[in-house]
């Protein structure tokens, strides 16, 4: 039978700190033997499609056009 999870005020504060300010992403809490042992935070950054196209350097625009011109299912590998 699983042990009941032990969560004290310090862990609640740590969890709240990791979630605070997170716009896109996830927080993973790892539990061993009914005790929290680790908190992982993965944050994603999302860009608006039109804003990204305006800010991309010309070489990125060229690469994007090359990818878009390929038949579906094929990939273009760019090595620099």
Protein backbone atom coordinates (compact mmCIF):
# COMPACT_ATOMS: atom_id res chain seq x y z
CA UNK A 1 0.00 0.00 0.00
CA UNK A 2 1.26 3.47 -0.87
CA UNK A 3 2.44 5.73 1.91
CA UNK A 4 0.51 8.97 2.37
CA UNK A 5 2.26 11.96 0.85
CA UNK A 6 4.09 14.15 3.37
CA UNK A 7 3.95 17.82 2.37
CA UNK A 8 5.05 20.50 4.81
CA UNK A 9 4.90 24.29 4.48
CA UNK A 10 8.44 24.47 3.09
CA UNK A 11 7.55 22.17 0.15
CA UNK A 12 4.34 24.11 -0.51
CA UNK A 13 6.40 27.30 -0.72
CA UNK A 14 8.93 25.66 -3.05
CA UNK A 15 6.15 24.43 -5.34
CA UNK A 16 4.46 27.86 -5.36
CA UNK A 17 7.82 29.47 -6.21
CA UNK A 18 8.29 27.18 -9.22
CA UNK A 19 4.76 27.75 -10.53
CA UNK A 20 4.89 31.51 -9.96
CA UNK A 21 5.43 33.44 -13.18
CA UNK A 22 5.24 30.36 -15.39
CA UNK A 23 3.40 31.28 -18.61
CA UNK A 24 3.94 28.10 -20.63
CA UNK A 25 5.54 24.93 -19.34
CA UNK A 26 5.21 22.39 -16.60
CA UNK A 27 6.28 21.63 -13.07
CA UNK A 28 7.02 17.99 -12.24
CA UNK A 29 7.10 16.83 -8.63
CA UNK A 30 9.00 13.61 -7.96
CA UNK A 31 7.88 11.54 -4.97
CA UNK A 32 9.76 8.61 -3.38
CA UNK A 33 8.33 6.63 -0.47
CA UNK A 34 5.61 9.20 0.14
CA UNK A 35 8.04 12.15 0.28
CA UNK A 36 8.71 14.88 -2.26
CA UNK A 37 12.35 14.63 -3.30
CA UNK A 38 12.58 16.81 -6.41
CA UNK A 39 10.83 19.57 -8.34
CA UNK A 40 11.58 20.10 -12.04
CA UNK A 41 10.42 23.18 -13.91
CA UNK A 42 10.37 23.28 -17.70
CA UNK A 43 9.51 26.65 -19.18
CA UNK A 44 8.57 27.14 -22.80
CA UNK A 45 8.77 30.35 -24.75
CA UNK A 46 6.15 30.87 -27.41
CA UNK A 47 6.40 33.43 -30.17
CA UNK A 48 3.63 34.90 -32.24
CA UNK A 49 4.00 33.63 -35.81
CA UNK A 50 3.84 37.03 -37.51
CA UNK A 51 6.19 38.68 -35.01
CA UNK A 52 8.72 35.88 -35.42
CA UNK A 53 8.80 36.23 -39.21
CA UNK A 54 9.47 39.96 -38.88
CA UNK A 55 12.38 39.42 -36.48
CA UNK A 56 14.09 36.47 -38.21
CA UNK A 57 17.36 37.22 -40.00
CA UNK A 58 17.26 36.77 -43.81
CA UNK A 59 19.10 33.40 -43.73
CA UNK A 60 16.39 31.96 -41.45
CA UNK A 61 13.68 33.19 -43.80
CA UNK A 62 15.45 31.49 -46.72
CA UNK A 63 15.72 28.22 -44.76
CA UNK A 64 12.04 28.41 -43.81
CA UNK A 65 11.07 28.93 -47.46
CA UNK A 66 13.16 25.91 -48.48
CA UNK A 67 11.43 23.75 -45.86
CA UNK A 68 7.99 24.94 -46.95
CA UNK A 69 8.71 24.13 -50.60
CA UNK A 70 9.48 20.44 -49.90
CA UNK A 71 6.79 17.84 -50.54
CA UNK A 72 5.01 16.80 -47.34
CA UNK A 73 6.89 14.08 -45.47
CA UNK A 74 10.33 15.11 -46.70
CA UNK A 75 12.75 17.01 -44.47
CA UNK A 76 15.52 19.40 -45.30
CA UNK A 77 18.64 19.05 -43.19
CA UNK A 78 20.65 22.25 -42.93
CA UNK A 79 24.24 21.85 -41.75
CA UNK A 80 26.27 24.92 -40.94
